[in-house]
Amino acid sequence: MEKNVFDDPRITAVGLLVEAHAGLSARFAVQYEEHGLSAVEFEVLMRLARSPGNQLRMTDLAAQTSLSTSGVTRVVDRMERDGLLCRRACPSDRRSSYAVVTPSGLRRLDETLPGHLRIIEQWFTGQLEPEALTAMLDGLRRVRDAVHPGATAGSTDPAPSDEPPSPLA
């Protein structure tokens, strides 16, 4: 007798991933809103804060997020108006610019992160034994790298000639 295709463990794996993501996203959204951020704005701030010099080229920021290049431009425009980010010209390529977290953006992250980390611990990492968490992180990185190879674009230190001026200058 043929196995029921609806019981396929591949469908179960993707379904569980989608359900877990939806549940976590709903909890995060409430917490972000308490700090005046959207999920996309939080993602942009975190990507930039975790990058060398708290900055990324706009094209790399688009590659690392779920946004198109025009979507990143709109988000950065809005966040720049709110004082969370600024743009810096790339000294080696006039066509490129960097998005840089401002001190105000870093303060907003500092205010948001304690609650964010509590949610992560309560509803995600705290649900797993350390060995299971390590194995899951390894698996998620492999899947991420396969389906989204640009996800870490620009996340290493740029060559010295590519270094834009300090965001605090």
C-alpha atoms as a PDB file:
ATOM      1  CA  MET A   1       0.000   0.000   0.000  1.00  0.00           C
ATOM      2  CA  GLU A   2       1.293   3.450  -0.932  1.00  0.00           C
ATOM      3  CA  LYS A   3       2.211   5.760   1.923  1.00  0.00           C
ATOM      4  CA  ASN A   4      -0.085   8.767   2.350  1.00  0.00           C
ATOM      5  CA  VAL A   5       1.739  11.740   0.802  1.00  0.00           C
ATOM      6  CA  PHE A   6       0.187  14.074   3.390  1.00  0.00           C
ATOM      7  CA  ASP A   7       2.081  12.229   6.130  1.00  0.00           C
ATOM      8  CA  ASP A   8       5.417  12.839   4.395  1.00  0.00           C
ATOM      9  CA  PRO A   9       7.960  14.024   7.001  1.00  0.00           C
ATOM     10  CA  ARG A  10       9.207  16.690   4.565  1.00  0.00           C
ATOM     11  CA  ILE A  11       5.791  18.346   4.631  1.00  0.00           C
ATOM     12  CA  THR A  12       5.725  18.019   8.417  1.00  0.00           C
ATOM     13  CA  ALA A  13       9.189  19.630   8.736  1.00  0.00           C
ATOM     14  CA  VAL A  14       8.254  22.652   6.629  1.00  0.00           C
ATOM     15  CA  GLY A  15       4.866  22.955   8.333  1.00  0.00           C
ATOM     16  CA  LEU A  16       6.434  22.955  11.787  1.00  0.00           C
ATOM     17  CA  LEU A  17       9.002  25.544  10.711  1.00  0.00           C
ATOM     18  CA  VAL A  18       6.273  27.822   9.329  1.00  0.00           C
ATOM     19  CA  GLU A  19       4.100  27.402  12.435  1.00  0.00           C
ATOM     20  CA  ALA A  20       7.020  28.085  14.807  1.00  0.00           C
ATOM     21  CA  HIS A  21       7.988  31.165  12.811  1.00  0.00           C
ATOM     22  CA  ALA A  22       4.408  32.492  12.823  1.00  0.00           C
ATOM     23  CA  GLY A  23       4.090  31.999  16.580  1.00  0.00           C
ATOM     24  CA  LEU A  24       7.397  33.687  17.359  1.00  0.00           C
ATOM     25  CA  SER A  25       6.719  36.511  14.895  1.00  0.00           C
ATOM     26  CA  ALA A  26       3.399  37.309  16.580  1.00  0.00           C
ATOM     27  CA  ARG A  27       5.080  37.537  19.989  1.00  0.00           C
ATOM     28  CA  PHE A  28       7.940  39.647  18.603  1.00  0.00           C
ATOM     29  CA  ALA A  29       5.556  42.037  16.808  1.00  0.00           C
ATOM     30  CA  VAL A  30       3.844  43.038  20.053  1.00  0.00           C
ATOM     31  CA  GLN A  31       7.195  43.649  21.730  1.00  0.00           C
ATOM     32  CA  TYR A  32       8.597  45.646  18.780  1.00  0.00           C
ATOM     33  CA  GLU A  33       5.495  47.831  18.741  1.00  0.00           C
ATOM     34  CA  GLU A  34       6.079  48.687  22.407  1.00  0.00           C
ATOM     35  CA  HIS A  35       9.372  50.233  21.265  1.00  0.00           C
ATOM     36  CA  GLY A  36       8.018  51.978  18.168  1.00  0.00           C
ATOM     37  CA  LEU A  37       9.531  49.541  15.673  1.00  0.00           C
ATOM     38  CA  SER A  38       8.174  47.273  12.983  1.00  0.00           C
ATOM     39  CA  ALA A  39       9.601  43.789  12.448  1.00  0.00           C
ATOM     40  CA  VAL A  40      11.451  45.024   9.345  1.00  0.00           C
ATOM     41  CA  GLU A  41      12.914  48.012  11.188  1.00  0.00           C
ATOM     42  CA  PHE A  42      14.129  45.751  13.992  1.00  0.00           C
ATOM     43  CA  GLU A  43      15.671  43.378  11.453  1.00  0.00           C
ATOM     44  CA  VAL A  44      17.463  46.257   9.700  1.00  0.00           C
ATOM     45  CA  LEU A  45      18.787  47.655  12.991  1.00  0.00           C
ATOM     46  CA  MET A  46      20.002  44.221  14.100  1.00  0.00           C
ATOM     47  CA  ARG A  47      21.674  43.478  10.755  1.00  0.00           C
ATOM     48  CA  LEU A  48      23.498  46.793  10.853  1.00  0.00           C
ATOM     49  CA  ALA A  49      24.412  46.618  14.548  1.00  0.00           C
ATOM     50  CA  ARG A  50      25.893  43.140  14.034  1.00  0.00           C
ATOM     51  CA  SER A  51      27.958  44.233  11.026  1.00  0.00           C
ATOM     52  CA  PRO A  52      31.471  45.715  11.112  1.00  0.00           C
ATOM     53  CA  GLY A  53      31.261  49.427  11.864  1.00  0.00           C
ATOM     54  CA  ASN A  54      27.477  49.106  12.391  1.00  0.00           C
ATOM     55  CA  GLN A  55      27.017  49.526   8.644  1.00  0.00           C
ATOM     56  CA  LEU A  56      26.338  47.707   5.388  1.00  0.00           C
ATOM     57  CA  ARG A  57      26.182  48.734   1.762  1.00  0.00           C
ATOM     58  CA  MET A  58      22.563  49.202   0.806  1.00  0.00           C
ATOM     59  CA  THR A  59      22.825  46.308  -1.683  1.00  0.00           C
ATOM     60  CA  ASP A  60      24.213  44.005   1.027  1.00  0.00           C
ATOM     61  CA  LEU A  61      21.439  45.062   3.395  1.00  0.00           C
ATOM     62  CA  ALA A  62      18.890  44.090   0.753  1.00  0.00           C
ATOM     63  CA  ALA A  63      20.644  40.728   0.249  1.00  0.00           C
ATOM     64  CA  GLN A  64      20.565  40.040   3.999  1.00  0.00           C
ATOM     65  CA  THR A  65      16.905  40.909   4.489  1.00  0.00           C
ATOM     66  CA  SER A  66      13.644  39.911   2.903  1.00  0.00           C
ATOM     67  CA  LEU A  67      13.486  43.270   1.114  1.00  0.00           C
ATOM     68  CA  SER A  68      14.140  44.263  -2.473  1.00  0.00           C
ATOM     69  CA  THR A  69      16.644  47.037  -3.146  1.00  0.00           C
ATOM     70  CA  SER A  70      13.786  49.510  -3.581  1.00  0.00           C
ATOM     71  CA  GLY A  71      12.176  48.187  -0.379  1.00  0.00           C
ATOM     72  CA  VAL A  72      15.419  48.738   1.523  1.00  0.00           C
ATOM     73  CA  THR A  73      15.601  52.271   0.153  1.00  0.00           C
ATOM     74  CA  ARG A  74      12.088  53.029   1.437  1.00  0.00           C
ATOM     75  CA  VAL A  75      12.780  51.520   4.877  1.00  0.00           C
ATOM     76  CA  VAL A  76      16.119  53.326   5.198  1.00  0.00           C
ATOM     77  CA  ASP A  77      14.460  56.604   4.127  1.00  0.00           C
ATOM     78  CA  ARG A  78      11.854  56.211   6.867  1.00  0.00           C
ATOM     79  CA  MET A  79      14.396  55.151   9.505  1.00  0.00           C
ATOM     80  CA  GLU A  80      16.688  58.017   8.505  1.00  0.00           C
ATOM     81  CA  ARG A  81      13.798  60.477   9.014  1.00  0.00           C
ATOM     82  CA  ASP A  82      13.275  58.914  12.468  1.00  0.00           C
ATOM     83  CA  GLY A  83      16.974  59.379  13.291  1.00  0.00           C
ATOM     84  CA  LEU A  84      17.701  55.649  13.633  1.00  0.00           C
ATOM     85  CA  LEU A  85      19.999  55.422  10.600  1.00  0.00           C
ATOM     86  CA  CYS A  86      22.029  57.623   8.338  1.00  0.00           C
ATOM     87  CA  ARG A  87      23.567  57.120   4.926  1.00  0.00           C
ATOM     88  CA  ARG A  88      27.265  57.404   4.145  1.00  0.00           C
ATOM     89  CA  ALA A  89      28.706  57.598   0.650  1.00  0.00           C
ATOM     90  CA  CYS A  90      31.076  54.825  -0.331  1.00  0.00           C
ATOM     91  CA  PRO A  91      34.487  56.419  -0.950  1.00  0.00           C
ATOM     92  CA  SER A  92      35.488  53.813  -3.551  1.00  0.00           C
ATOM     93  CA  ASP A  93      32.202  53.619  -5.512  1.00  0.00           C
ATOM     94  CA  ARG A  94      30.072  56.717  -6.119  1.00  0.00           C
ATOM     95  CA  ARG A  95      27.088  54.513  -6.978  1.00  0.00           C
ATOM     96  CA  SER A  96      27.067  52.820  -3.570  1.00  0.00           C
ATOM     97  CA  SER A  97      26.160  54.058  -0.154  1.00  0.00           C
ATOM     98  CA  TYR A  98      26.154  52.586   3.319  1.00  0.00           C
ATOM     99  CA  ALA A  99      23.304  52.458   5.801  1.00  0.00           C
ATOM    100  CA  VAL A 100      24.746  53.174   9.256  1.00  0.00           C
ATOM    101  CA  VAL A 101      23.073  52.842  12.650  1.00  0.00           C
ATOM    102  CA  THR A 102      23.066  56.136  14.539  1.00  0.00           C
ATOM    103  CA  PRO A 103      23.576  56.424  18.303  1.00  0.00           C
ATOM    104  CA  SER A 104      19.794  56.894  18.556  1.00  0.00           C
ATOM    105  CA  GLY A 105      19.259  53.643  16.645  1.00  0.00           C
ATOM    106  CA  LEU A 106      21.653  51.814  18.948  1.00  0.00           C
ATOM    107  CA  ARG A 107      19.793  53.194  21.994  1.00  0.00           C
ATOM    108  CA  ARG A 108      16.499  51.951  20.551  1.00  0.00           C
ATOM    109  CA  LEU A 109      18.037  48.497  20.130  1.00  0.00           C
ATOM    110  CA  ASP A 110      19.393  48.594  23.693  1.00  0.00           C
ATOM    111  CA  GLU A 111      15.858  49.335  24.928  1.00  0.00           C
ATOM    112  CA  THR A 112      14.284  46.629  22.768  1.00  0.00           C
ATOM    113  CA  LEU A 113      16.752  43.763  23.193  1.00  0.00           C
ATOM    114  CA  PRO A 114      16.065  42.735  26.818  1.00  0.00           C
ATOM    115  CA  GLY A 115      12.421  41.945  26.048  1.00  0.00           C
ATOM    116  CA  HIS A 116      13.362  40.388  22.720  1.00  0.00           C
ATOM    117  CA  LEU A 117      15.858  38.079  24.413  1.00  0.00           C
ATOM    118  CA  ARG A 118      13.271  37.095  27.055  1.00  0.00           C
ATOM    119  CA  ILE A 119      10.866  36.056  24.295  1.00  0.00           C
ATOM    120  CA  ILE A 120      13.598  34.093  22.517  1.00  0.00           C
ATOM    121  CA  GLU A 121      14.553  32.299  25.733  1.00  0.00           C
ATOM    122  CA  GLN A 122      10.971  31.587  26.828  1.00  0.00           C
ATOM    123  CA  TRP A 123       9.501  30.483  23.517  1.00  0.00           C
ATOM    124  CA  PHE A 124      12.462  29.242  21.448  1.00  0.00           C
ATOM    125  CA  THR A 125      15.933  28.449  22.798  1.00  0.00           C
ATOM    126  CA  GLY A 126      14.635  27.612  26.280  1.00  0.00           C
ATOM    127  CA  GLN A 127      12.469  24.873  24.757  1.00  0.00           C
ATOM    128  CA  LEU A 128      15.567  22.971  23.575  1.00  0.00           C
ATOM    129  CA  GLU A 129      18.388  21.081  25.252  1.00  0.00           C
ATOM    130  CA  PRO A 130      21.813  22.607  24.447  1.00  0.00           C
ATOM    131  CA  GLU A 131      22.729  19.732  22.094  1.00  0.00           C
ATOM    132  CA  ALA A 132      19.424  20.036  20.243  1.00  0.00           C
ATOM    133  CA  LEU A 133      19.897  23.794  19.891  1.00  0.00           C
ATOM    134  CA  THR A 134      23.418  23.325  18.495  1.00  0.00           C
ATOM    135  CA  ALA A 135      22.195  20.732  15.984  1.00  0.00           C
ATOM    136  CA  MET A 136      19.252  22.912  14.952  1.00  0.00           C
ATOM    137  CA  LEU A 137      21.493  25.965  14.444  1.00  0.00           C
ATOM    138  CA  ASP A 138      23.823  23.914  12.266  1.00  0.00           C
ATOM    139  CA  GLY A 139      20.915  22.622  10.202  1.00  0.00           C
ATOM    140  CA  LEU A 140      19.304  26.050   9.856  1.00  0.00           C
ATOM    141  CA  ARG A 141      22.594  27.562   8.674  1.00  0.00           C
ATOM    142  CA  ARG A 142      22.947  24.871   6.012  1.00  0.00           C
ATOM    143  CA  VAL A 143      19.385  25.425   4.816  1.00  0.00           C
ATOM    144  CA  ARG A 144      19.791  29.226   4.919  1.00  0.00           C
ATOM    145  CA  ASP A 145      23.032  29.085   2.933  1.00  0.00           C
ATOM    146  CA  ALA A 146      21.391  26.862   0.312  1.00  0.00           C
ATOM    147  CA  VAL A 147      18.202  28.887  -0.158  1.00  0.00           C
ATOM    148  CA  HIS A 148      19.582  32.369   0.559  1.00  0.00           C
ATOM    149  CA  PRO A 149      23.289  32.464  -0.342  1.00  0.00           C
ATOM    150  CA  GLY A 150      23.475  36.267  -0.044  1.00  0.00           C
ATOM    151  CA  ALA A 151      22.283  36.254   3.563  1.00  0.00           C
ATOM    152  CA  THR A 152      25.707  37.147   4.921  1.00  0.00           C
ATOM    153  CA  ALA A 153      26.770  39.563   2.148  1.00  0.00           C
ATOM    154  CA  GLY A 154      28.944  42.367   3.451  1.00  0.00           C
ATOM    155  CA  SER A 155      29.129  40.918   6.953  1.00  0.00           C
ATOM    156  CA  THR A 156      32.921  40.819   7.009  1.00  0.00           C
ATOM    157  CA  ASP A 157      35.222  43.788   7.425  1.00  0.00           C
ATOM    158  CA  PRO A 158      35.563  45.693   4.139  1.00  0.00           C
ATOM    159  CA  ALA A 159      38.997  46.268   2.673  1.00  0.00           C
ATOM    160  CA  PRO A 160      40.663  49.365   4.169  1.00  0.00           C
ATOM    161  CA  SER A 161      40.068  51.374   0.978  1.00  0.00           C
ATOM    162  CA  ASP A 162      36.328  50.619   1.200  1.00  0.00           C
ATOM    163  CA  GLU A 163      35.989  51.871   4.766  1.00  0.00           C
ATOM    164  CA  PRO A 164      33.526  54.760   4.951  1.00  0.00           C
ATOM    165  CA  PRO A 165      33.956  57.487   7.546  1.00  0.00           C
ATOM    166  CA  SER A 166      32.937  56.709  11.113  1.00  0.00           C
ATOM    167  CA  PRO A 167      29.194  57.189  11.715  1.00  0.00           C
ATOM    168  CA  LEU A 168      30.028  59.298  14.760  1.00  0.00           C
ATOM    169  CA  ALA A 169      32.330  61.687  12.898  1.00  0.00           C
END
